[in-house]
Every structure is written in C-alpha cells, then in structure tokens.
Protein backbone atom coordinates (compact mmCIF):
# COMPACT_ATOMS: atom_id res chain seq x y z
CA UNK A 1 151.65 139.88 176.15
CA UNK A 2 154.60 142.17 175.71
CA UNK A 3 157.84 140.83 174.48
CA UNK A 4 159.67 138.86 177.13
CA UNK A 5 163.31 139.89 177.54
CA UNK A 6 164.25 137.18 180.00
CA UNK A 7 162.87 134.31 181.98
CA UNK A 8 163.99 132.97 185.28
CA UNK A 9 163.40 129.48 186.65
CA UNK A 10 163.88 128.05 190.12
CA UNK A 11 163.31 124.43 191.04
CA UNK A 12 163.22 123.38 194.68
CA UNK A 13 162.85 120.05 196.48
CA UNK A 14 159.96 121.09 198.67
CA UNK A 15 156.40 122.29 197.80
CA UNK A 16 156.17 124.26 201.02
CA UNK A 17 159.48 126.03 200.36
CA UNK A 18 158.35 126.60 196.69
CA UNK A 19 155.48 128.74 197.77
CA UNK A 20 157.84 130.91 199.86
CA UNK A 21 160.31 131.15 196.96
CA UNK A 22 157.48 132.19 194.59
CA UNK A 23 156.44 134.95 197.04
CA UNK A 24 160.01 136.22 197.38
CA UNK A 25 160.53 136.30 193.60
CA UNK A 26 157.34 138.26 193.03
CA UNK A 27 158.15 140.79 195.78
CA UNK A 28 161.79 141.29 194.73
CA UNK A 29 161.13 142.85 191.30
CA UNK A 30 158.51 143.75 188.66
CA UNK A 31 158.21 140.35 187.02
CA UNK A 32 155.43 138.35 185.51
CA UNK A 33 154.56 134.87 186.91
CA UNK A 34 154.51 132.32 184.13
CA UNK A 35 154.26 129.14 186.15
CA UNK A 36 154.34 128.04 189.73
CA UNK A 37 153.34 124.44 190.52
CA UNK A 38 154.33 121.20 192.17
CA UNK A 39 156.06 118.83 189.82
CA UNK A 40 156.99 115.14 190.01
CA UNK A 41 159.00 113.77 192.83
CA UNK A 42 157.56 116.30 195.22
CA UNK A 43 159.43 119.22 193.76
CA UNK A 44 158.12 122.76 192.92
CA UNK A 45 158.95 124.84 189.80
CA UNK A 46 158.65 128.62 189.46
CA UNK A 47 159.02 130.42 186.13
CA UNK A 48 158.96 134.23 185.85
CA UNK A 49 159.51 136.74 183.00
CA UNK A 50 160.55 140.33 182.64
CA UNK A 51 163.49 142.51 181.78
CA UNK A 52 166.98 141.03 182.41
CA UNK A 53 167.71 143.00 185.58
CA UNK A 54 164.35 142.38 187.22
CA UNK A 55 164.49 138.65 186.53
CA UNK A 56 168.04 138.43 187.83
CA UNK A 57 166.97 140.13 191.09
CA UNK A 58 163.95 137.94 191.47
CA UNK A 59 165.93 134.76 190.85
CA UNK A 60 168.56 135.77 193.40
CA UNK A 61 165.86 136.60 195.99
CA UNK A 62 164.14 133.28 195.39
CA UNK A 63 167.39 131.36 195.67
CA UNK A 64 168.14 132.97 198.94
CA UNK A 65 164.80 131.88 200.37
CA UNK A 66 165.16 128.39 198.91
CA UNK A 67 168.29 127.62 200.92
CA UNK A 68 169.22 123.95 200.91
CA UNK A 69 165.99 123.06 199.04
CA UNK A 70 167.36 124.73 195.90
CA UNK A 71 167.86 122.22 193.13
CA UNK A 72 168.41 124.56 190.20
CA UNK A 73 168.20 128.22 189.32
CA UNK A 74 168.72 129.72 185.93
CA UNK A 75 168.02 132.80 183.83
CA UNK A 76 167.64 132.81 180.05
CA UNK A 77 168.00 136.15 178.37
CA UNK A 78 166.46 136.90 174.98
CA UNK A 79 164.35 133.66 175.12
CA UNK A 80 162.97 132.62 171.74
CA UNK A 81 159.19 133.08 171.64
CA UNK A 82 158.70 129.59 170.35
CA UNK A 83 159.87 128.21 173.74
CA UNK A 84 156.83 129.78 175.60
CA UNK A 85 154.47 128.49 172.95
CA UNK A 86 155.84 124.91 173.21
CA UNK A 87 155.64 124.99 177.02
CA UNK A 88 151.97 126.09 176.73
CA UNK A 89 151.19 123.32 174.19
CA UNK A 90 150.06 126.06 171.80
CA UNK A 91 151.85 124.73 168.74
CA UNK A 92 149.93 123.26 165.87
CA UNK A 93 151.47 121.37 162.99
CA UNK A 94 150.13 119.11 160.26
CA UNK A 95 151.44 115.55 160.44
CA UNK A 96 152.14 115.70 156.73
CA UNK A 97 154.71 118.40 157.30
CA UNK A 98 156.80 116.25 159.66
CA UNK A 99 159.99 115.30 157.93
CA UNK A 100 161.87 114.40 161.08
CA UNK A 101 161.46 114.74 164.82
CA UNK A 102 164.13 115.46 167.42
CA UNK A 103 163.92 114.72 171.10
CA UNK A 104 166.12 115.94 173.91
CA UNK A 105 165.61 114.74 177.50
CA UNK A 106 167.16 116.33 180.60
CA UNK A 107 167.35 115.54 184.34
CA UNK A 108 165.41 118.72 185.32
CA UNK A 109 162.52 120.83 184.15
CA UNK A 110 164.59 124.01 184.14
CA UNK A 111 167.38 122.57 182.09
CA UNK A 112 165.05 121.54 179.23
CA UNK A 113 163.87 125.06 178.78
CA UNK A 114 167.48 126.15 178.27
CA UNK A 115 168.15 123.23 175.92
CA UNK A 116 165.01 124.00 173.87
CA UNK A 117 165.97 127.67 173.59
CA UNK A 118 169.45 126.76 172.34
CA UNK A 119 167.99 124.29 169.87
CA UNK A 120 165.46 126.64 168.30
CA UNK A 121 167.98 129.49 168.07
CA UNK A 122 170.52 127.29 166.25
CA UNK A 123 168.45 125.92 163.36
CA UNK A 124 165.14 126.19 161.46
CA UNK A 125 162.98 123.86 163.55
CA UNK A 126 159.55 124.04 165.07
CA UNK A 127 159.36 123.40 168.81
CA UNK A 128 156.33 121.09 169.12
CA UNK A 129 156.24 120.56 172.83
CA UNK A 130 158.22 121.16 176.01
CA UNK A 131 157.25 118.84 178.75
CA UNK A 132 158.14 119.96 182.29
CA UNK A 133 158.54 117.17 184.91
CA UNK A 134 155.01 115.80 185.26
CA UNK A 135 154.89 111.99 185.02
CA UNK A 136 158.65 112.00 184.30
CA UNK A 137 160.19 111.82 187.73
CA UNK A 138 161.09 115.47 187.58
CA UNK A 139 162.78 115.32 184.12
CA UNK A 140 161.99 117.33 181.08
CA UNK A 141 161.89 116.76 177.30
CA UNK A 142 161.44 118.76 174.13
CA UNK A 143 160.09 117.58 170.77
CA UNK A 144 160.99 119.47 167.66
CA UNK A 145 160.36 119.07 163.96
CA UNK A 146 161.92 120.16 160.68
CA UNK A 147 164.09 118.83 157.83
CA UNK A 148 166.60 116.18 158.94
CA UNK A 149 169.69 118.48 158.86
CA UNK A 150 167.98 121.23 160.79
CA UNK A 151 166.71 118.85 163.44
CA UNK A 152 170.20 117.23 163.76
CA UNK A 153 171.79 120.68 164.22
CA UNK A 154 169.16 121.84 166.72
CA UNK A 155 169.41 118.60 168.74
CA UNK A 156 173.13 118.92 168.81
CA UNK A 157 172.98 122.55 170.12
CA UNK A 158 170.34 121.71 172.72
CA UNK A 159 172.32 118.69 173.88
CA UNK A 160 175.44 120.84 174.17
CA UNK A 161 173.60 123.31 176.47
CA UNK A 162 172.28 120.43 178.62
CA UNK A 163 175.54 118.51 178.73
CA UNK A 164 177.60 121.58 179.88
CA UNK A 165 175.81 121.32 183.23
CA UNK A 166 175.58 117.49 183.35
CA UNK A 167 171.82 117.54 182.76
CA UNK A 168 171.59 115.58 179.48
CA UNK A 169 169.71 112.25 179.77
CA UNK A 170 169.09 111.34 176.16
CA UNK A 171 168.55 112.43 172.61
CA UNK A 172 167.10 111.05 169.41
CA UNK A 173 166.54 112.21 165.78
CA UNK A 174 163.86 110.28 163.93
CA UNK A 175 163.77 110.74 160.14
CA UNK A 176 160.39 110.26 158.42
CA UNK A 177 158.43 109.51 161.65
CA UNK A 178 155.45 107.21 161.36
CA UNK A 179 151.98 108.87 161.63
CA UNK A 180 151.32 106.76 164.81
CA UNK A 181 154.43 108.34 166.43
CA UNK A 182 153.00 111.75 165.69
CA UNK A 183 149.62 110.88 167.20
CA UNK A 184 151.14 109.33 170.32
CA UNK A 185 153.60 112.04 171.25
CA UNK A 186 152.43 115.32 169.86
C-alpha cells in the first residue's frame, strides 16, 4: 500500500444513509476505501485514504449527502502508520515487553482515531489496538504500551485531542500490568 497522506472519517446515524455517503465519497475524488460498515447503535462508519485535497473533497461530498444523519466528520492529515496497523489488529507485542498500558476512550469511533494519532505522534509508544464502536455502544478506545513516562505523555496528548471536541469518556495508565490483563484485552 502506498503511503497514506490523509484519512477521512464520516460517522452517520443511519445504515441506509451510510451507503449513500460511502458512494458519494468514492465518486467525489480518487480515494481508497479503508472501511465502510455498520457499527453499534445502528450507526455507519466510513473511512477513506488518499492525498489531502482528495480526502477533503470526499469528506465534504459525503457530509453533504449525510444531511441530518451526520454525527461526525473529520480529516487527519499525515496520519501515523501505526494507527492503521492498530485498527487492523496487526500489532504483535510480547507480554514481557509491557512496562505499562495506556487506555483512552471516546464517545465516537472517529474521535478515537484522532486521539490515537495524537498519542502516537507525541511519545514513544506502541499502539496495540484501536477498537471502533462494535460492542461499545458506538464508542471507541485505544490501547497503547511503552515505558510509564511515554505512556503518560501519549495518553495526555490523546486525551487533549479528544477533550477539545468534548469526546473524551475516560483514560487510564496502568504501570506493570498483570499478564492476565494482557491476555484479556490485547
């Protein structure tokens, strides 16, 4: 996959509307579809990638079609590659390497992607998993690992990004996590 310059996310309150939004986004510009699916609480999430201008055009076209069903739209330029790996559950880490775990939870799936991006760009952490809305009532969470000071800094940066838009639900930094915690959540 070529380097992704930008991603765009749209979350809508209707599955039927979501399919129309997806179609409008893909027709508006040369973008790559990363994800389009129903999520908890009967919502629909679309994620696309491409250059900054194309993603901006696609997001605006999708938002126009979404109308009152639009919950959230956002574009993240220069997204960190670790974000896409964590969304795809393609991150492997040895439990023995876990010195601390950080968790950020947001009210929406789109906002957790932004929070995770801010977190990984701010400190030397490994994004373990980004969970988007399923079995969470439409919320999202990110799990990250690293040394305690790096995890604290990353969680603070991610929480700041989420709180700016009123999307922060919760946060936690767990030093020296138990092996059972690792098995249960990673």
